[in-house]
Amino acid sequence: MISKIMRALKMFSPELVTASTGSVYIKFTGSKVKQIRIANHPGQKTSRNCWELRSDAGNQRRKDGRIYNFRSVDLLIADFK
């Protein structure tokens, strides 16, 4: 899943960062979205320039922000572009 995102969005120079909490961040250059957080928990509040891909998200994409379920990685990539 992570490698799929990295390949699909390579034009934005993705950089992979792993946090001590177990969350993984993919940071981008030259995009309105500055990072995608990949996790299995809500974590701390993120800015509107941070999208989330989470295993605990119930829907494909939540209306209150850019929070996607793991099954919706293709939708996240399509929305990003």
Protein backbone atom coordinates (compact mmCIF):
# COMPACT_ATOMS: atom_id res chain seq x y z
CA MET A 1 0.00 0.00 0.00
CA ILE A 2 2.73 2.49 0.93
CA SER A 3 4.79 1.61 -2.13
CA LYS A 4 1.68 2.02 -4.31
CA ILE A 5 1.19 5.58 -3.01
CA MET A 6 4.89 6.37 -3.39
CA ARG A 7 4.91 5.19 -7.03
CA ALA A 8 1.63 6.89 -7.98
CA LEU A 9 2.65 10.25 -6.50
CA LYS A 10 6.38 10.21 -7.33
CA MET A 11 6.08 13.55 -9.16
CA PHE A 12 5.67 15.18 -5.71
CA SER A 13 8.97 13.78 -4.34
CA PRO A 14 7.47 11.62 -1.56
CA GLU A 15 9.58 11.09 1.56
CA LEU A 16 8.79 8.32 4.04
CA VAL A 17 9.01 9.03 7.80
CA THR A 18 8.12 6.58 10.59
CA ALA A 19 7.01 7.99 13.96
CA SER A 20 7.66 6.34 17.33
CA THR A 21 3.88 5.81 17.67
CA GLY A 22 3.87 3.45 14.71
CA SER A 23 2.30 5.94 12.33
CA VAL A 24 3.94 6.36 8.94
CA TYR A 25 4.03 9.71 7.18
CA ILE A 26 4.56 10.30 3.48
CA LYS A 27 5.65 13.92 3.06
CA PHE A 28 5.35 15.77 -0.26
CA THR A 29 6.94 18.75 -1.99
CA GLY A 30 5.05 20.99 -4.43
CA SER A 31 1.55 19.84 -3.52
CA LYS A 32 -1.39 21.33 -1.60
CA VAL A 33 -1.30 18.18 0.53
CA LYS A 34 1.85 18.27 2.64
CA GLN A 35 1.63 14.75 4.05
CA ILE A 36 -0.39 11.56 4.25
CA ARG A 37 -0.52 9.89 7.65
CA ILE A 38 -0.95 6.11 7.64
CA ALA A 39 -2.08 4.62 10.95
CA ASN A 40 -4.52 2.39 12.80
CA HIS A 41 -5.60 5.02 15.34
CA PRO A 42 -6.90 8.63 15.36
CA GLY A 43 -3.75 10.21 16.81
CA GLN A 44 -3.51 13.92 17.42
CA LYS A 45 -5.43 16.52 15.45
CA THR A 46 -3.83 17.15 12.08
CA SER A 47 -3.90 20.19 9.81
CA ARG A 48 -6.11 20.37 6.75
CA ASN A 49 -3.01 19.85 4.61
CA CYS A 50 -2.58 16.37 6.10
CA TRP A 51 -4.66 13.51 4.80
CA GLU A 52 -5.03 10.25 6.68
CA LEU A 53 -5.25 6.63 5.60
CA ARG A 54 -6.48 4.61 8.57
CA SER A 55 -7.56 1.06 9.26
CA ASP A 56 -10.04 2.26 11.89
CA ALA A 57 -11.90 4.64 9.53
CA GLY A 58 -15.34 3.22 8.82
CA ASN A 59 -16.18 4.69 5.44
CA GLN A 60 -14.34 5.03 2.18
CA ARG A 61 -13.81 8.74 2.82
CA ARG A 62 -15.16 10.76 5.73
CA LYS A 63 -17.02 13.97 4.95
CA ASP A 64 -15.42 15.94 7.79
CA GLY A 65 -11.93 15.75 6.33
CA ARG A 66 -9.54 13.78 4.26
CA ILE A 67 -9.65 10.54 6.22
CA TYR A 68 -9.70 7.39 4.10
CA ASN A 69 -10.10 3.73 4.97
CA PHE A 70 -7.24 1.39 3.96
CA ARG A 71 -9.50 -0.16 1.32
CA SER A 72 -9.78 3.26 -0.36
CA VAL A 73 -6.14 3.81 -1.28
CA ASP A 74 -7.06 4.17 -4.99
CA LEU A 75 -9.64 6.85 -4.13
CA LEU A 76 -7.04 8.72 -2.05
CA ILE A 77 -4.59 8.68 -4.97
CA ALA A 78 -7.26 9.86 -7.42
CA ASP A 79 -8.33 12.71 -5.10
CA PHE A 80 -4.70 13.71 -4.54
CA LYS A 81 -4.04 14.18 -8.23
